[in-house]
Amino acid sequence: MMIPYPCQQVLRRTCIPLSLILCLLILTACDEQQAAPPPAAPPPSPVRVAPVLQQEVKRTVTLVGTVEPWKRSVVASEVEGLVQAFAAEEGMKVKRGNLLARLRTKTLQIRLDSAMAIYRESRARYEQAKRDLKRFRVLFQRELVTQKDFDDAVAEEAALKERLSQLDAEIRQVKDSLNKSTVVAPFDGWITQEFTEIGQWVEEGGPVVEVVDLSRVQVEVPLPERYVSQIQIRDPVTATFDGLPAFEARGQVFSLVAQADRNARTFPVKVEIPNPALAIKSGMVSRVTLRIDQPHQGLVVPKDALVLRGGKAFVFRVNEGTADQIPVTAVLHVEDLVEIEGPVQAGMDVVVEGNERLFPGQPVRILEPPGSTP
């Protein structure tokens, strides 16, 4: 279709060149880029800090042993007999002198009554012999009796005196057997095992019960040979127990056996631990910590302050809102602390939380300690 000539002239006047539109779009974009703000810097990293402390440091070694009672006794009967009464039960707490068992004593009582009767008879005969000897001595001095009659009177008095001594010993023996027929606790403790019951015959020396004393306990641990020269009697120790979480007891070394285990090359060390609350039980696994050198003053930080990267150790110090990396050497681990050496001073704040993501010069923001109030 043909457009009339006047219309073509109108279109040429109203159309805008394409190149002009493109230039306008480019200029607008440049203006927007120049007006955009620069990217914001990363916010400070939140961290928690703790001061470097100077305190007494002790090098220790922890060894594993088994708890044993301070005393353990298998209480036996000193005489044979039939168990008439048995007051002991496993787990029972007993005091020294408490009745454990009583044997039937009727036969012994009969023997005692017979011995007492014989003793009274012999005593009467002895008293008569003393009076006769006194008379014979007077008569012999007056030469009214022969030497033989006088000697017979002396012998009779002496024989009856010895007979009384023999009977007295027999009576004491029967009384001792009567006393031994009652089995009592030898010390304060706990009954851990029964070996007899009412109606059972007990031989002389036969076991009745086992009693243990847990008012204090002992733990034997194997000490490596290299530490033997550094352990002394009465050295303080601390002990923990697998069966008692968060419980720690203190004690002391009371025995260092001089003979080593030939295979392990360890020396048995025995430690004494008070147990007034009876919380520690026989047979528990115990971890005993012994001091193996003299205490010294050192700089310590919480173990979380130590950062290990590339085989090196360092801590981060907060300095005017930024993190400074300080190389250190870990000397000794003491419970939750680490003794360190390096360009650090007591009182210096080091990062203990958030240090795993820090780098030198990074801005930091110190958080309040947990539980603190604004």
Protein backbone atom coordinates (compact mmCIF):
# COMPACT_ATOMS: atom_id res chain seq x y z
CA MET A 1 0.00 0.00 0.00
CA MET A 2 1.45 3.35 -0.91
CA ILE A 3 1.66 6.07 1.76
CA PRO A 4 0.92 9.49 0.55
CA TYR A 5 3.83 11.85 0.42
CA PRO A 6 2.57 14.31 3.10
CA CYS A 7 2.27 11.46 5.64
CA GLN A 8 5.89 10.36 5.06
CA GLN A 9 7.05 13.84 5.94
CA VAL A 10 5.12 13.72 9.27
CA LEU A 11 6.74 10.39 10.29
CA ARG A 12 10.23 11.70 9.57
CA ARG A 13 9.60 14.66 11.89
CA THR A 14 8.24 12.53 14.88
CA CYS A 15 10.60 9.46 14.94
CA ILE A 16 13.67 9.60 17.31
CA PRO A 17 16.89 8.05 16.00
CA LEU A 18 17.74 4.64 17.58
CA SER A 19 21.34 5.64 18.31
CA LEU A 20 20.12 8.53 20.44
CA ILE A 21 17.96 6.20 22.57
CA LEU A 22 20.89 3.83 23.21
CA CYS A 23 23.09 6.71 24.32
CA LEU A 24 20.46 7.90 26.76
CA LEU A 25 20.14 4.40 28.29
CA ILE A 26 23.92 4.05 28.76
CA LEU A 27 24.21 7.44 30.46
CA THR A 28 21.36 6.58 32.84
CA ALA A 29 23.03 3.29 33.82
CA CYS A 30 26.34 5.02 34.51
CA ASP A 31 24.62 7.55 36.75
CA GLU A 32 22.99 4.73 38.75
CA GLN A 33 26.30 2.93 39.20
CA GLN A 34 27.97 6.07 40.45
CA ALA A 35 25.15 6.68 42.93
CA ALA A 36 25.25 3.08 44.45
CA PRO A 37 26.89 2.94 47.98
CA PRO A 38 30.07 0.89 48.50
CA PRO A 39 29.67 -2.61 50.12
CA ALA A 40 29.56 -2.60 53.97
CA ALA A 41 32.53 -4.01 56.01
CA PRO A 42 31.90 -7.31 57.88
CA PRO A 43 30.62 -6.83 61.45
CA PRO A 44 33.00 -7.51 64.39
CA SER A 45 33.20 -11.18 65.36
CA PRO A 46 31.63 -11.91 68.79
CA VAL A 47 34.07 -13.49 71.25
CA ARG A 48 34.43 -14.20 74.94
CA VAL A 49 37.68 -13.61 76.80
CA ALA A 50 39.43 -14.70 79.98
CA PRO A 51 42.53 -13.30 81.67
CA VAL A 52 45.92 -14.98 81.73
CA LEU A 53 46.57 -16.12 85.30
CA GLN A 54 49.77 -16.63 87.22
CA GLN A 55 49.44 -19.38 89.78
CA GLU A 56 51.12 -22.39 91.33
CA VAL A 57 51.43 -25.25 88.84
CA LYS A 58 52.09 -28.87 89.70
CA ARG A 59 53.04 -31.60 87.26
CA THR A 60 50.95 -34.71 87.88
CA VAL A 61 50.38 -38.24 86.62
CA THR A 62 47.06 -40.09 86.77
CA LEU A 63 47.01 -43.84 87.35
CA VAL A 64 44.14 -46.33 87.52
CA GLY A 65 43.56 -48.68 90.45
CA THR A 66 40.83 -50.53 92.34
CA VAL A 67 39.38 -49.53 95.70
CA GLU A 68 40.02 -51.95 98.56
CA PRO A 69 38.72 -51.66 102.14
CA TRP A 70 41.12 -50.44 104.78
CA LYS A 71 40.50 -53.66 106.75
CA ARG A 72 39.10 -56.97 105.57
CA SER A 73 38.60 -59.84 108.00
CA VAL A 74 37.12 -63.29 107.60
CA VAL A 75 35.85 -63.72 111.16
CA ALA A 76 36.31 -67.34 112.30
CA SER A 77 35.10 -69.39 115.23
CA GLU A 78 37.80 -70.19 117.79
CA VAL A 79 35.97 -73.32 118.94
CA GLU A 80 33.86 -75.95 117.25
CA GLY A 81 30.18 -76.18 117.86
CA LEU A 82 26.61 -75.95 116.62
CA VAL A 83 25.38 -72.49 115.60
CA GLN A 84 22.54 -71.63 117.96
CA ALA A 85 22.08 -67.95 117.03
CA PHE A 86 23.19 -66.04 113.93
CA ALA A 87 22.61 -62.28 113.95
CA ALA A 88 24.66 -61.32 110.90
CA GLU A 89 23.28 -60.41 107.47
CA GLU A 90 25.08 -59.36 104.31
CA GLY A 91 25.13 -55.57 104.00
CA MET A 92 24.62 -55.05 107.75
CA LYS A 93 26.64 -52.34 109.47
CA VAL A 94 28.22 -53.55 112.71
CA LYS A 95 30.10 -51.99 115.60
CA ARG A 96 33.05 -53.53 117.33
CA GLY A 97 31.80 -56.12 119.81
CA ASN A 98 28.38 -56.62 118.17
CA LEU A 99 27.11 -60.22 118.26
CA LEU A 100 27.60 -62.10 115.00
CA ALA A 101 26.93 -65.71 116.05
CA ARG A 102 26.55 -67.81 119.20
CA LEU A 103 27.34 -71.52 119.48
CA ARG A 104 25.51 -74.05 121.63
CA THR A 105 27.25 -74.05 125.04
CA LYS A 106 25.32 -76.57 127.14
CA THR A 107 28.07 -79.19 126.98
CA LEU A 108 30.68 -76.64 127.96
CA GLN A 109 28.54 -75.49 130.87
CA ILE A 110 28.29 -79.09 132.11
CA ARG A 111 32.08 -79.42 131.89
CA LEU A 112 32.45 -76.18 133.82
CA ASP A 113 30.10 -77.33 136.58
CA SER A 114 32.01 -80.64 136.91
CA ALA A 115 35.38 -78.88 137.04
CA MET A 116 34.12 -76.46 139.67
CA ALA A 117 32.88 -79.35 141.86
CA ILE A 118 36.21 -81.17 141.61
CA TYR A 119 38.02 -77.96 142.40
CA ARG A 120 35.97 -77.41 145.56
CA GLU A 121 36.67 -80.98 146.70
CA SER A 122 40.38 -80.66 146.05
CA ARG A 123 40.41 -77.30 147.81
CA ALA A 124 38.96 -78.87 150.94
CA ARG A 125 41.51 -81.68 150.83
CA TYR A 126 44.30 -79.19 150.36
CA GLU A 127 43.20 -77.15 153.35
CA GLN A 128 43.17 -80.35 155.41
CA ALA A 129 46.63 -81.27 154.13
CA LYS A 130 47.99 -77.89 155.20
CA ARG A 131 46.63 -78.36 158.71
CA ASP A 132 48.06 -81.90 158.90
CA LEU A 133 51.47 -80.69 157.75
CA LYS A 134 51.45 -78.01 160.41
CA ARG A 135 50.79 -80.64 163.12
CA PHE A 136 53.37 -83.06 161.69
CA ARG A 137 55.98 -80.31 161.73
CA VAL A 138 55.40 -79.73 165.44
CA LEU A 139 55.44 -83.45 166.19
CA PHE A 140 58.56 -83.98 164.11
CA GLN A 141 60.35 -81.24 166.02
CA ARG A 142 59.45 -83.10 169.24
CA GLU A 143 60.62 -86.37 167.68
CA LEU A 144 57.16 -87.87 168.07
CA VAL A 145 56.86 -88.89 164.39
CA THR A 146 59.34 -90.36 161.98
CA GLN A 147 61.06 -88.62 159.13
CA LYS A 148 58.98 -90.63 156.66
CA ASP A 149 55.69 -89.53 158.22
CA PHE A 150 56.76 -85.92 158.04
CA ASP A 151 57.94 -86.26 154.40
CA ASP A 152 54.64 -87.89 153.43
CA ALA A 153 52.71 -84.96 154.91
CA VAL A 154 54.88 -82.47 152.97
CA ALA A 155 54.37 -84.41 149.72
CA GLU A 156 50.62 -84.63 150.22
CA GLU A 157 50.28 -80.90 150.78
CA ALA A 158 52.40 -80.08 147.71
CA ALA A 159 50.53 -82.56 145.49
CA LEU A 160 47.14 -81.18 146.48
CA LYS A 161 48.40 -77.62 145.85
CA GLU A 162 49.49 -78.55 142.31
CA ARG A 163 46.17 -80.35 141.78
CA LEU A 164 44.38 -77.13 142.62
CA SER A 165 46.50 -75.27 140.06
CA GLN A 166 45.64 -77.89 137.43
CA LEU A 167 41.93 -77.69 138.18
CA ASP A 168 42.05 -73.88 138.10
CA ALA A 169 43.61 -74.02 134.62
CA GLU A 170 40.91 -76.42 133.43
CA ILE A 171 38.19 -74.11 134.73
CA ARG A 172 39.76 -71.12 132.99
CA GLN A 173 40.00 -73.15 129.78
CA VAL A 174 36.30 -74.06 129.89
CA LYS A 175 35.35 -70.47 130.67
CA ASP A 176 37.50 -69.30 127.75
CA SER A 177 35.73 -71.77 125.46
CA LEU A 178 32.40 -70.43 126.70
CA ASN A 179 33.50 -66.89 125.86
CA LYS A 180 34.74 -67.99 122.45
CA SER A 181 31.38 -69.55 121.72
CA THR A 182 30.14 -66.03 121.14
CA VAL A 183 31.51 -64.60 117.88
CA VAL A 184 31.59 -60.78 117.79
CA ALA A 185 32.65 -58.12 115.27
CA PRO A 186 36.38 -57.33 115.58
CA PHE A 187 35.98 -53.72 114.37
CA ASP A 188 33.42 -51.26 113.01
CA GLY A 189 32.48 -52.17 109.47
CA TRP A 190 30.09 -53.84 107.06
CA ILE A 191 29.28 -57.53 106.60
CA THR A 192 29.96 -58.52 103.01
CA GLN A 193 29.60 -62.31 103.15
CA GLU A 194 28.04 -65.06 105.31
CA PHE A 195 29.57 -68.52 105.69
CA THR A 196 27.22 -70.27 108.11
CA GLU A 197 23.64 -70.37 109.41
CA ILE A 198 21.62 -71.48 112.43
CA GLY A 199 21.86 -75.25 112.95
CA GLN A 200 25.13 -75.59 111.03
CA TRP A 201 28.20 -77.15 112.62
CA VAL A 202 31.24 -74.89 112.68
CA GLU A 203 34.71 -76.36 112.96
CA GLU A 204 37.41 -74.76 115.08
CA GLY A 205 38.82 -71.99 112.88
CA GLY A 206 35.89 -72.23 110.48
CA PRO A 207 34.72 -68.99 108.77
CA VAL A 208 31.57 -67.25 110.03
CA VAL A 209 31.32 -63.91 108.17
CA GLU A 210 33.50 -61.44 106.27
CA VAL A 211 33.67 -57.88 107.63
CA VAL A 212 35.23 -54.88 105.88
CA ASP A 213 36.12 -51.44 107.22
CA LEU A 214 35.19 -48.67 104.76
CA SER A 215 35.68 -45.67 107.05
CA ARG A 216 38.77 -45.20 104.91
CA VAL A 217 39.87 -47.06 101.83
CA GLN A 218 43.09 -47.85 100.05
CA VAL A 219 43.89 -47.87 96.35
CA GLU A 220 46.90 -49.60 94.85
CA VAL A 221 48.14 -48.12 91.55
CA PRO A 222 51.07 -49.14 89.31
CA LEU A 223 53.67 -46.37 89.23
CA PRO A 224 55.99 -46.30 86.17
CA GLU A 225 59.66 -46.74 87.00
CA ARG A 226 60.62 -43.25 85.79
CA TYR A 227 58.50 -41.62 88.52
CA VAL A 228 59.63 -43.72 91.50
CA SER A 229 62.27 -41.26 92.72
CA GLN A 230 59.70 -38.43 92.74
CA ILE A 231 57.12 -40.09 95.02
CA GLN A 232 57.42 -39.97 98.81
CA ILE A 233 55.40 -41.34 101.71
CA ARG A 234 52.63 -38.90 102.80
CA ASP A 235 52.62 -37.15 99.39
CA PRO A 236 49.11 -35.73 98.77
CA VAL A 237 46.92 -37.29 96.06
CA THR A 238 43.49 -36.71 94.57
CA ALA A 239 41.20 -39.48 93.38
CA THR A 240 38.10 -39.73 91.23
CA PHE A 241 35.84 -42.72 90.77
CA ASP A 242 34.05 -43.98 87.66
CA GLY A 243 31.01 -44.86 89.75
CA LEU A 244 30.81 -41.42 91.42
CA PRO A 245 30.65 -38.70 88.76
CA ALA A 246 31.73 -35.21 89.85
CA PHE A 247 33.09 -36.64 93.14
CA GLU A 248 36.72 -36.04 94.10
CA ALA A 249 38.50 -37.26 97.22
CA ARG A 250 41.86 -36.35 98.71
CA GLY A 251 44.32 -38.66 100.41
CA GLN A 252 48.00 -39.48 100.78
CA VAL A 253 50.58 -42.09 99.85
CA PHE A 254 51.16 -44.53 102.73
CA SER A 255 53.16 -47.31 101.04
CA LEU A 256 55.62 -47.61 98.17
CA VAL A 257 56.52 -51.24 97.52
CA ALA A 258 60.22 -51.62 96.71
CA GLN A 259 59.73 -54.59 94.36
CA ALA A 260 58.71 -53.84 90.77
CA ASP A 261 56.55 -55.95 88.50
CA ARG A 262 59.17 -57.63 86.32
CA ASN A 263 56.99 -57.56 83.22
CA ALA A 264 55.44 -54.07 83.43
CA ARG A 265 58.33 -52.38 85.28
CA THR A 266 55.89 -50.62 87.58
CA PHE A 267 56.01 -50.25 91.36
CA PRO A 268 52.88 -50.74 93.50
CA VAL A 269 51.95 -47.53 95.30
CA LYS A 270 49.22 -47.61 97.93
CA VAL A 271 47.26 -44.51 98.85
CA GLU A 272 44.94 -43.91 101.78
CA ILE A 273 41.67 -42.04 101.19
CA PRO A 274 39.27 -41.03 104.02
CA ASN A 275 35.69 -42.14 103.45
CA PRO A 276 33.59 -40.68 106.30
CA ALA A 277 30.37 -40.59 104.25
CA LEU A 278 30.94 -44.18 103.03
CA ALA A 279 30.32 -43.03 99.45
CA ILE A 280 33.34 -44.99 98.16
CA LYS A 281 32.62 -48.71 97.84
CA SER A 282 35.02 -51.61 97.69
CA GLY A 283 35.82 -52.68 94.13
CA MET A 284 35.23 -49.29 92.47
CA VAL A 285 37.58 -48.15 89.71
CA SER A 286 39.62 -45.18 90.91
CA ARG A 287 41.82 -42.73 89.01
CA VAL A 288 44.53 -41.46 91.33
CA THR A 289 46.47 -38.29 90.51
CA LEU A 290 49.92 -37.98 92.06
CA ARG A 291 52.24 -34.98 92.02
CA ILE A 292 55.56 -35.88 90.39
CA ASP A 293 57.57 -32.68 90.85
CA GLN A 294 57.81 -29.58 93.01
CA PRO A 295 55.16 -26.84 92.51
CA HIS A 296 56.24 -23.74 90.55
CA GLN A 297 54.70 -20.45 89.45
CA GLY A 298 53.47 -20.40 85.85
CA LEU A 299 51.18 -18.56 83.42
CA VAL A 300 48.01 -20.50 82.67
CA VAL A 301 45.03 -20.01 80.38
CA PRO A 302 41.85 -22.02 79.91
CA LYS A 303 42.45 -24.91 77.54
CA ASP A 304 39.88 -23.42 75.11
CA ALA A 305 42.16 -20.40 74.61
CA LEU A 306 44.80 -22.52 72.89
CA VAL A 307 44.48 -22.67 69.07
CA LEU A 308 46.42 -25.22 67.01
CA ARG A 309 46.96 -24.53 63.31
CA GLY A 310 49.62 -25.87 61.00
CA GLY A 311 51.40 -27.65 63.83
CA LYS A 312 51.80 -24.42 65.82
CA ALA A 313 50.05 -23.16 68.95
CA PHE A 314 48.94 -19.62 69.65
CA VAL A 315 46.36 -17.52 71.47
CA PHE A 316 44.40 -14.45 70.37
CA ARG A 317 44.67 -11.26 72.43
CA VAL A 318 42.03 -8.54 72.17
CA ASN A 319 43.82 -5.23 71.53
CA GLU A 320 41.67 -2.12 70.97
CA GLY A 321 38.86 -4.06 69.34
CA THR A 322 40.99 -6.26 67.09
CA ALA A 323 42.47 -9.73 67.45
CA ASP A 324 46.24 -10.11 67.79
CA GLN A 325 47.72 -13.57 67.21
CA ILE A 326 50.43 -14.50 69.76
CA PRO A 327 52.55 -17.65 69.34
CA VAL A 328 52.91 -19.71 72.53
CA THR A 329 54.21 -23.07 73.70
CA ALA A 330 52.01 -25.41 75.75
CA VAL A 331 54.14 -26.59 78.68
CA LEU A 332 51.76 -28.55 80.89
CA HIS A 333 48.08 -29.46 80.96
CA VAL A 334 46.60 -29.12 84.45
CA GLU A 335 42.93 -30.14 84.59
CA ASP A 336 41.04 -27.44 82.57
CA LEU A 337 44.06 -25.13 82.33
CA VAL A 338 47.18 -25.08 80.19
CA GLU A 339 50.51 -23.66 81.29
CA ILE A 340 51.97 -21.65 78.40
CA GLU A 341 55.20 -19.85 77.57
CA GLY A 342 55.45 -16.92 75.18
CA PRO A 343 55.04 -13.13 74.95
CA VAL A 344 52.08 -13.06 77.35
CA GLN A 345 51.60 -11.47 80.75
CA ALA A 346 49.33 -12.11 83.71
CA GLY A 347 46.07 -10.17 83.38
CA MET A 348 46.12 -10.10 79.56
CA ASP A 349 42.72 -10.94 78.03
CA VAL A 350 42.78 -13.86 75.59
CA VAL A 351 39.90 -15.23 73.54
CA VAL A 352 38.39 -18.46 74.86
CA GLU A 353 35.25 -18.64 72.71
CA GLY A 354 35.03 -17.76 69.03
CA ASN A 355 38.79 -17.99 68.44
CA GLU A 356 38.52 -20.87 65.97
CA ARG A 357 37.27 -18.49 63.24
CA LEU A 358 39.53 -15.50 63.94
CA PHE A 359 42.44 -14.20 61.91
CA PRO A 360 45.03 -11.55 62.85
CA GLY A 361 43.70 -7.99 62.77
CA GLN A 362 40.06 -9.02 62.61
CA PRO A 363 37.62 -6.73 64.49
CA VAL A 364 36.02 -8.39 67.49
CA ARG A 365 33.21 -7.66 69.90
CA ILE A 366 33.58 -8.95 73.46
CA LEU A 367 30.50 -10.71 74.84
CA GLU A 368 29.56 -10.64 78.48
CA PRO A 369 30.45 -13.77 80.47
CA PRO A 370 27.59 -16.28 80.71
CA GLY A 371 25.25 -15.50 83.59
CA SER A 372 26.40 -11.88 83.99
CA THR A 373 23.81 -9.13 84.40
CA PRO A 374 23.94 -5.73 82.63
